Amino acid sequence: NRYQTVYAKNTGSAAAPTAGLHFTEELLKKI
């Protein structure tokens, strides 16, 4: 799961969109 974003939903990538790996659910809620 650490090579997934916390909001990963639609299956199909051969690599992670790595900028999104920094977000937590708590940070997204604050945003």
PDB file of all heavy atoms in Angstrom:
ATOM      1  N   ASN A   1       0.805  -1.217   0.000  1.00  0.00           N
ATOM      2  CA  ASN A   1       0.000   0.000   0.000  1.00  0.00           C
ATOM      3  C   ASN A   1       0.842   1.273   0.000  1.00  0.00           C
ATOM      4  O   ASN A   1       0.335   2.346  -0.328  1.00  0.00           O
ATOM      5  CB  ASN A   1      -0.949   0.010   1.202  1.00  0.00           C
ATOM      6  CG  ASN A   1      -2.074  -0.979   1.039  1.00  0.00           C
ATOM      7  OD1 ASN A   1      -2.547  -1.227  -0.071  1.00  0.00           O
ATOM      8  ND2 ASN A   1      -2.510  -1.579   2.133  1.00  0.00           N
ATOM      9  N   ARG A   2       2.128   1.162   0.353  1.00  0.00           N
ATOM     10  CA  ARG A   2       2.953   2.360   0.370  1.00  0.00           C
ATOM     11  C   ARG A   2       3.358   2.804  -1.031  1.00  0.00           C
ATOM     12  O   ARG A   2       3.917   3.880  -1.198  1.00  0.00           O
ATOM     13  CB  ARG A   2       4.195   2.143   1.259  1.00  0.00           C
ATOM     14  CG  ARG A   2       3.877   2.019   2.746  1.00  0.00           C
ATOM     15  CD  ARG A   2       2.985   3.142   3.288  1.00  0.00           C
ATOM     16  NE  ARG A   2       3.468   4.469   2.982  1.00  0.00           N
ATOM     17  CZ  ARG A   2       4.325   5.138   3.738  1.00  0.00           C
ATOM     18  NH1 ARG A   2       4.801   4.593   4.849  1.00  0.00           N
ATOM     19  NH2 ARG A   2       4.701   6.349   3.407  1.00  0.00           N
ATOM     20  N   TYR A   3       3.084   1.961  -2.025  1.00  0.00           N
ATOM     21  CA  TYR A   3       3.276   2.376  -3.424  1.00  0.00           C
ATOM     22  C   TYR A   3       1.920   2.663  -4.074  1.00  0.00           C
ATOM     23  O   TYR A   3       1.769   2.572  -5.275  1.00  0.00           O
ATOM     24  CB  TYR A   3       4.041   1.294  -4.202  1.00  0.00           C
ATOM     25  CG  TYR A   3       4.630   1.778  -5.510  1.00  0.00           C
ATOM     26  CD1 TYR A   3       5.511   2.856  -5.561  1.00  0.00           C
ATOM     27  CD2 TYR A   3       4.305   1.150  -6.715  1.00  0.00           C
ATOM     28  CE1 TYR A   3       6.049   3.297  -6.756  1.00  0.00           C
ATOM     29  CE2 TYR A   3       4.846   1.578  -7.931  1.00  0.00           C
ATOM     30  CZ  TYR A   3       5.705   2.651  -7.939  1.00  0.00           C
ATOM     31  OH  TYR A   3       6.236   3.094  -9.134  1.00  0.00           O
ATOM     32  N   GLN A   4       0.952   3.004  -3.232  1.00  0.00           N
ATOM     33  CA  GLN A   4      -0.367   3.470  -3.675  1.00  0.00           C
ATOM     34  C   GLN A   4      -0.661   4.782  -2.973  1.00  0.00           C
ATOM     35  O   GLN A   4      -0.264   4.990  -1.819  1.00  0.00           O
ATOM     36  CB  GLN A   4      -1.481   2.483  -3.291  1.00  0.00           C
ATOM     37  CG  GLN A   4      -1.337   1.088  -3.820  1.00  0.00           C
ATOM     38  CD  GLN A   4      -1.821   0.940  -5.266  1.00  0.00           C
ATOM     39  OE1 GLN A   4      -1.913   1.918  -6.002  1.00  0.00           O
ATOM     40  NE2 GLN A   4      -2.097  -0.278  -5.666  1.00  0.00           N
ATOM     41  N   THR A   5      -1.375   5.682  -3.644  1.00  0.00           N
ATOM     42  CA  THR A   5      -1.905   6.852  -2.951  1.00  0.00           C
ATOM     43  C   THR A   5      -3.052   6.406  -2.045  1.00  0.00           C
ATOM     44  O   THR A   5      -3.631   5.335  -2.252  1.00  0.00           O
ATOM     45  CB  THR A   5      -2.434   7.887  -3.960  1.00  0.00           C
ATOM     46  OG1 THR A   5      -3.522   7.309  -4.697  1.00  0.00           O
ATOM     47  CG2 THR A   5      -1.331   8.318  -4.930  1.00  0.00           C
ATOM     48  N   VAL A   6      -3.365   7.223  -1.043  1.00  0.00           N
ATOM     49  CA  VAL A   6      -4.461   6.858  -0.133  1.00  0.00           C
ATOM     50  C   VAL A   6      -5.807   6.959  -0.836  1.00  0.00           C
ATOM     51  O   VAL A   6      -6.810   6.431  -0.345  1.00  0.00           O
ATOM     52  CB  VAL A   6      -4.466   7.740   1.136  1.00  0.00           C
ATOM     53  CG1 VAL A   6      -3.209   7.507   1.951  1.00  0.00           C
ATOM     54  CG2 VAL A   6      -4.646   9.227   0.800  1.00  0.00           C
ATOM     55  N   TYR A   7      -5.833   7.608  -2.016  1.00  0.00           N
ATOM     56  CA  TYR A   7      -7.094   7.752  -2.753  1.00  0.00           C
ATOM     57  C   TYR A   7      -7.124   6.895  -4.025  1.00  0.00           C
ATOM     58  O   TYR A   7      -7.989   7.068  -4.868  1.00  0.00           O
ATOM     59  CB  TYR A   7      -7.346   9.228  -3.093  1.00  0.00           C
ATOM     60  CG  TYR A   7      -6.151   9.969  -3.657  1.00  0.00           C
ATOM     61  CD1 TYR A   7      -5.726   9.793  -4.973  1.00  0.00           C
ATOM     62  CD2 TYR A   7      -5.441  10.862  -2.851  1.00  0.00           C
ATOM     63  CE1 TYR A   7      -4.641  10.476  -5.479  1.00  0.00           C
ATOM     64  CE2 TYR A   7      -4.341  11.557  -3.355  1.00  0.00           C
ATOM     65  CZ  TYR A   7      -3.951  11.356  -4.663  1.00  0.00           C
ATOM     66  OH  TYR A   7      -2.865  12.035  -5.164  1.00  0.00           O
ATOM     67  N   ALA A   8      -6.179   5.957  -4.153  1.00  0.00           N
ATOM     68  CA  ALA A   8      -6.149   5.083  -5.332  1.00  0.00           C
ATOM     69  C   ALA A   8      -7.452   4.306  -5.438  1.00  0.00           C
ATOM     70  O   ALA A   8      -7.917   3.719  -4.468  1.00  0.00           O
ATOM     71  CB  ALA A   8      -4.964   4.123  -5.237  1.00  0.00           C
ATOM     72  N   LYS A   9      -8.028   4.277  -6.634  1.00  0.00           N
ATOM     73  CA  LYS A   9      -9.363   3.707  -6.798  1.00  0.00           C
ATOM     74  C   LYS A   9      -9.513   2.896  -8.082  1.00  0.00           C
ATOM     75  O   LYS A   9     -10.079   1.804  -8.078  1.00  0.00           O
ATOM     76  CB  LYS A   9     -10.394   4.846  -6.770  1.00  0.00           C
ATOM     77  CG  LYS A   9     -11.829   4.418  -6.943  1.00  0.00           C
ATOM     78  CD  LYS A   9     -12.740   5.640  -6.905  1.00  0.00           C
ATOM     79  CE  LYS A   9     -14.193   5.273  -7.162  1.00  0.00           C
ATOM     80  NZ  LYS A   9     -15.049   6.481  -7.221  1.00  0.00           N
ATOM     81  N   ASN A  10      -9.022   3.421  -9.196  1.00  0.00           N
ATOM     82  CA  ASN A  10      -9.266   2.825 -10.507  1.00  0.00           C
ATOM     83  C   ASN A  10      -8.039   2.033 -10.980  1.00  0.00           C
ATOM     84  O   ASN A  10      -7.017   2.604 -11.328  1.00  0.00           O
ATOM     85  CB  ASN A  10      -9.622   3.919 -11.526  1.00  0.00           C
ATOM     86  CG  ASN A  10     -10.830   4.721 -11.072  1.00  0.00           C
ATOM     87  OD1 ASN A  10     -11.811   4.166 -10.603  1.00  0.00           O
ATOM     88  ND2 ASN A  10     -10.754   6.039 -11.191  1.00  0.00           N
ATOM     89  N   THR A  11      -8.169   0.724 -10.980  1.00  0.00           N
ATOM     90  CA  THR A  11      -7.037  -0.164 -11.250  1.00  0.00           C
ATOM     91  C   THR A  11      -6.561  -0.060 -12.689  1.00  0.00           C
ATOM     92  O   THR A  11      -7.373  -0.034 -13.612  1.00  0.00           O
ATOM     93  CB  THR A  11      -7.438  -1.619 -10.956  1.00  0.00           C
ATOM     94  OG1 THR A  11      -7.866  -1.705  -9.599  1.00  0.00           O
ATOM     95  CG2 THR A  11      -6.278  -2.558 -11.173  1.00  0.00           C
ATOM     96  N   GLY A  12      -5.212   0.010 -12.867  1.00  0.00           N
ATOM     97  CA  GLY A  12      -4.708   0.004 -14.236  1.00  0.00           C
ATOM     98  C   GLY A  12      -3.309   0.526 -14.446  1.00  0.00           C
ATOM     99  O   GLY A  12      -2.791   0.449 -15.553  1.00  0.00           O
ATOM    100  N   SER A  13      -2.632   1.052 -13.409  1.00  0.00           N
ATOM    101  CA  SER A  13      -1.312   1.651 -13.603  1.00  0.00           C
ATOM    102  C   SER A  13      -0.192   0.645 -13.435  1.00  0.00           C
ATOM    103  O   SER A  13      -0.256  -0.253 -12.595  1.00  0.00           O
ATOM    104  CB  SER A  13      -1.092   2.795 -12.607  1.00  0.00           C
ATOM    105  OG  SER A  13      -1.485   4.030 -13.154  1.00  0.00           O
ATOM    106  N   ALA A  14       0.883   0.864 -14.223  1.00  0.00           N
ATOM    107  CA  ALA A  14       2.100   0.074 -14.073  1.00  0.00           C
ATOM    108  C   ALA A  14       3.100   0.789 -13.169  1.00  0.00           C
ATOM    109  O   ALA A  14       4.156   0.253 -12.869  1.00  0.00           O
ATOM    110  CB  ALA A  14       2.732  -0.182 -15.433  1.00  0.00           C
ATOM    111  N   ALA A  15       2.763   2.004 -12.729  1.00  0.00           N
ATOM    112  CA  ALA A  15       3.617   2.762 -11.812  1.00  0.00           C
ATOM    113  C   ALA A  15       2.731   3.750 -11.055  1.00  0.00           C
ATOM    114  O   ALA A  15       1.653   4.122 -11.526  1.00  0.00           O
ATOM    115  CB  ALA A  15       4.717   3.487 -12.569  1.00  0.00           C
ATOM    116  N   ALA A  16       3.191   4.167  -9.892  1.00  0.00           N
ATOM    117  CA  ALA A  16       2.394   5.076  -9.062  1.00  0.00           C
ATOM    118  C   ALA A  16       2.532   6.524  -9.533  1.00  0.00           C
ATOM    119  O   ALA A  16       3.596   6.926 -10.002  1.00  0.00           O
ATOM    120  CB  ALA A  16       2.832   4.974  -7.607  1.00  0.00           C
ATOM    121  N   PRO A  17       1.464   7.316  -9.390  1.00  0.00           N
ATOM    122  CA  PRO A  17       1.588   8.767  -9.577  1.00  0.00           C
ATOM    123  C   PRO A  17       2.202   9.336  -8.295  1.00  0.00           C
ATOM    124  O   PRO A  17       1.516   9.672  -7.341  1.00  0.00           O
ATOM    125  CB  PRO A  17       0.135   9.215  -9.775  1.00  0.00           C
ATOM    126  CG  PRO A  17      -0.678   8.199  -9.026  1.00  0.00           C
ATOM    127  CD  PRO A  17       0.090   6.909  -9.042  1.00  0.00           C
ATOM    128  N   THR A  18       3.528   9.423  -8.265  1.00  0.00           N
ATOM    129  CA  THR A  18       4.249   9.526  -6.995  1.00  0.00           C
ATOM    130  C   THR A  18       4.037  10.833  -6.232  1.00  0.00           C
ATOM    131  O   THR A  18       4.220  10.858  -5.016  1.00  0.00           O
ATOM    132  CB  THR A  18       5.756   9.305  -7.227  1.00  0.00           C
ATOM    133  OG1 THR A  18       6.226  10.215  -8.227  1.00  0.00           O
ATOM    134  CG2 THR A  18       6.015   7.883  -7.693  1.00  0.00           C
ATOM    135  N   ALA A  19       3.667  11.915  -6.898  1.00  0.00           N
ATOM    136  CA  ALA A  19       3.408  13.156  -6.165  1.00  0.00           C
ATOM    137  C   ALA A  19       2.275  12.970  -5.161  1.00  0.00           C
ATOM    138  O   ALA A  19       2.247  13.609  -4.110  1.00  0.00           O
ATOM    139  CB  ALA A  19       3.085  14.290  -7.133  1.00  0.00           C
ATOM    140  N   GLY A  20       1.357  12.075  -5.482  1.00  0.00           N
ATOM    141  CA  GLY A  20       0.219  11.829  -4.599  1.00  0.00           C
ATOM    142  C   GLY A  20       0.547  10.990  -3.381  1.00  0.00           C
ATOM    143  O   GLY A  20      -0.258  10.910  -2.442  1.00  0.00           O
ATOM    144  N   LEU A  21       1.715  10.357  -3.359  1.00  0.00           N
ATOM    145  CA  LEU A  21       2.070   9.485  -2.243  1.00  0.00           C
ATOM    146  C   LEU A  21       2.240  10.242  -0.936  1.00  0.00           C
ATOM    147  O   LEU A  21       2.213   9.654   0.144  1.00  0.00           O
ATOM    148  CB  LEU A  21       3.367   8.719  -2.548  1.00  0.00           C
ATOM    149  CG  LEU A  21       3.326   7.721  -3.716  1.00  0.00           C
ATOM    150  CD1 LEU A  21       4.700   7.079  -3.909  1.00  0.00           C
ATOM    151  CD2 LEU A  21       2.266   6.644  -3.474  1.00  0.00           C
ATOM    152  N   HIS A  22       2.415  11.577  -1.007  1.00  0.00           N
ATOM    153  CA  HIS A  22       2.656  12.379   0.196  1.00  0.00           C
ATOM    154  C   HIS A  22       1.378  12.712   0.962  1.00  0.00           C
ATOM    155  O   HIS A  22       1.444  13.137   2.117  1.00  0.00           O
ATOM    156  CB  HIS A  22       3.348  13.692  -0.191  1.00  0.00           C
ATOM    157  CG  HIS A  22       4.614  13.503  -0.946  1.00  0.00           C
ATOM    158  ND1 HIS A  22       5.805  13.147  -0.361  1.00  0.00           N
ATOM    159  CD2 HIS A  22       4.876  13.595  -2.280  1.00  0.00           C
ATOM    160  CE1 HIS A  22       6.746  13.038  -1.292  1.00  0.00           C
ATOM    161  NE2 HIS A  22       6.202  13.306  -2.459  1.00  0.00           N
ATOM    162  N   PHE A  23       0.228  12.548   0.332  1.00  0.00           N
ATOM    163  CA  PHE A  23      -1.025  12.940   0.978  1.00  0.00           C
ATOM    164  C   PHE A  23      -1.509  11.861   1.938  1.00  0.00           C
ATOM    165  O   PHE A  23      -1.425  10.666   1.645  1.00  0.00           O
ATOM    166  CB  PHE A  23      -2.110  13.206  -0.071  1.00  0.00           C
ATOM    167  CG  PHE A  23      -1.910  14.486  -0.835  1.00  0.00           C
ATOM    168  CD1 PHE A  23      -1.195  14.498  -2.024  1.00  0.00           C
ATOM    169  CD2 PHE A  23      -2.425  15.683  -0.357  1.00  0.00           C
ATOM    170  CE1 PHE A  23      -0.997  15.667  -2.732  1.00  0.00           C
ATOM    171  CE2 PHE A  23      -2.236  16.872  -1.063  1.00  0.00           C
ATOM    172  CZ  PHE A  23      -1.518  16.860  -2.245  1.00  0.00           C
ATOM    173  N   THR A  24      -2.031  12.313   3.080  1.00  0.00           N
ATOM    174  CA  THR A  24      -2.724  11.432   4.019  1.00  0.00           C
ATOM    175  C   THR A  24      -4.211  11.774   3.977  1.00  0.00           C
ATOM    176  O   THR A  24      -4.599  12.846   3.495  1.00  0.00           O
ATOM    177  CB  THR A  24      -2.214  11.625   5.449  1.00  0.00           C
ATOM    178  OG1 THR A  24      -2.532  12.977   5.875  1.00  0.00           O
ATOM    179  CG2 THR A  24      -0.699  11.417   5.533  1.00  0.00           C
ATOM    180  N   GLU A  25      -5.030  10.877   4.500  1.00  0.00           N
ATOM    181  CA  GLU A  25      -6.471  11.171   4.552  1.00  0.00           C
ATOM    182  C   GLU A  25      -6.737  12.385   5.433  1.00  0.00           C
ATOM    183  O   GLU A  25      -7.625  13.199   5.142  1.00  0.00           O
ATOM    184  CB  GLU A  25      -7.215   9.938   5.061  1.00  0.00           C
ATOM    185  CG  GLU A  25      -7.196   8.787   4.063  1.00  0.00           C
ATOM    186  CD  GLU A  25      -7.834   7.523   4.605  1.00  0.00           C
ATOM    187  OE1 GLU A  25      -8.209   7.511   5.792  1.00  0.00           O
ATOM    188  OE2 GLU A  25      -7.950   6.547   3.831  1.00  0.00           O
ATOM    189  N   GLU A  26      -5.943  12.529   6.515  1.00  0.00           N
ATOM    190  CA  GLU A  26      -6.122  13.677   7.415  1.00  0.00           C
ATOM    191  C   GLU A  26      -5.789  14.985   6.708  1.00  0.00           C
ATOM    192  O   GLU A  26      -6.504  15.983   6.857  1.00  0.00           O
ATOM    193  CB  GLU A  26      -5.226  13.515   8.656  1.00  0.00           C
ATOM    194  CG  GLU A  26      -5.583  12.364   9.570  1.00  0.00           C
ATOM    195  CD  GLU A  26      -5.096  11.010   9.072  1.00  0.00           C
ATOM    196  OE1 GLU A  26      -4.284  10.977   8.104  1.00  0.00           O
ATOM    197  OE2 GLU A  26      -5.521   9.983   9.615  1.00  0.00           O
ATOM    198  N   LEU A  27      -4.716  14.986   5.921  1.00  0.00           N
ATOM    199  CA  LEU A  27      -4.328  16.205   5.209  1.00  0.00           C
ATOM    200  C   LEU A  27      -5.370  16.570   4.160  1.00  0.00           C
ATOM    201  O   LEU A  27      -5.731  17.745   4.005  1.00  0.00           O
ATOM    202  CB  LEU A  27      -2.953  16.014   4.554  1.00  0.00           C
ATOM    203  CG  LEU A  27      -2.403  17.208   3.768  1.00  0.00           C
ATOM    204  CD1 LEU A  27      -2.315  18.458   4.631  1.00  0.00           C
ATOM    205  CD2 LEU A  27      -1.037  16.869   3.177  1.00  0.00           C
ATOM    206  N   LEU A  28      -5.894  15.577   3.447  1.00  0.00           N
ATOM    207  CA  LEU A  28      -6.929  15.848   2.445  1.00  0.00           C
ATOM    208  C   LEU A  28      -8.181  16.426   3.107  1.00  0.00           C
ATOM    209  O   LEU A  28      -8.823  17.323   2.554  1.00  0.00           O
ATOM    210  CB  LEU A  28      -7.271  14.571   1.690  1.00  0.00           C
ATOM    211  CG  LEU A  28      -6.203  14.088   0.690  1.00  0.00           C
ATOM    212  CD1 LEU A  28      -6.525  12.680   0.219  1.00  0.00           C
ATOM    213  CD2 LEU A  28      -6.103  15.035  -0.504  1.00  0.00           C
ATOM    214  N   LYS A  29      -8.505  15.930   4.291  1.00  0.00           N
ATOM    215  CA  LYS A  29      -9.676  16.447   5.014  1.00  0.00           C
ATOM    216  C   LYS A  29      -9.462  17.916   5.398  1.00  0.00           C
ATOM    217  O   LYS A  29     -10.358  18.756   5.244  1.00  0.00           O
ATOM    218  CB  LYS A  29      -9.929  15.603   6.266  1.00  0.00           C
ATOM    219  CG  LYS A  29     -11.172  15.996   7.027  1.00  0.00           C
ATOM    220  CD  LYS A  29     -11.400  15.095   8.238  1.00  0.00           C
ATOM    221  CE  LYS A  29     -12.648  15.520   9.011  1.00  0.00           C
ATOM    222  NZ  LYS A  29     -12.844  14.693  10.237  1.00  0.00           N
ATOM    223  N   LYS A  30      -8.261  18.249   5.866  1.00  0.00           N
ATOM    224  CA  LYS A  30      -7.949  19.640   6.224  1.00  0.00           C
ATOM    225  C   LYS A  30      -8.017  20.545   4.995  1.00  0.00           C
ATOM    226  O   LYS A  30      -8.464  21.693   5.085  1.00  0.00           O
ATOM    227  CB  LYS A  30      -6.557  19.720   6.855  1.00  0.00           C
ATOM    228  CG  LYS A  30      -6.466  19.133   8.254  1.00  0.00           C
ATOM    229  CD  LYS A  30      -5.042  19.237   8.782  1.00  0.00           C
ATOM    230  CE  LYS A  30      -4.917  18.623  10.175  1.00  0.00           C
ATOM    231  NZ  LYS A  30      -3.512  18.666  10.665  1.00  0.00           N
ATOM    232  N   ILE A  31      -7.566  20.023   3.865  1.00  0.00           N
ATOM    233  CA  ILE A  31      -7.606  20.797   2.624  1.00  0.00           C
ATOM    234  C   ILE A  31      -9.043  21.136   2.250  1.00  0.00           C
ATOM    235  O   ILE A  31      -9.365  22.281   1.905  1.00  0.00           O
ATOM    236  CB  ILE A  31      -6.894  20.015   1.499  1.00  0.00           C
ATOM    237  CG1 ILE A  31      -5.375  20.043   1.726  1.00  0.00           C
ATOM    238  CG2 ILE A  31      -7.241  20.576   0.120  1.00  0.00           C
ATOM    239  CD1 ILE A  31      -4.592  19.106   0.830  1.00  0.00           C
TER     240      ILE A  31
END
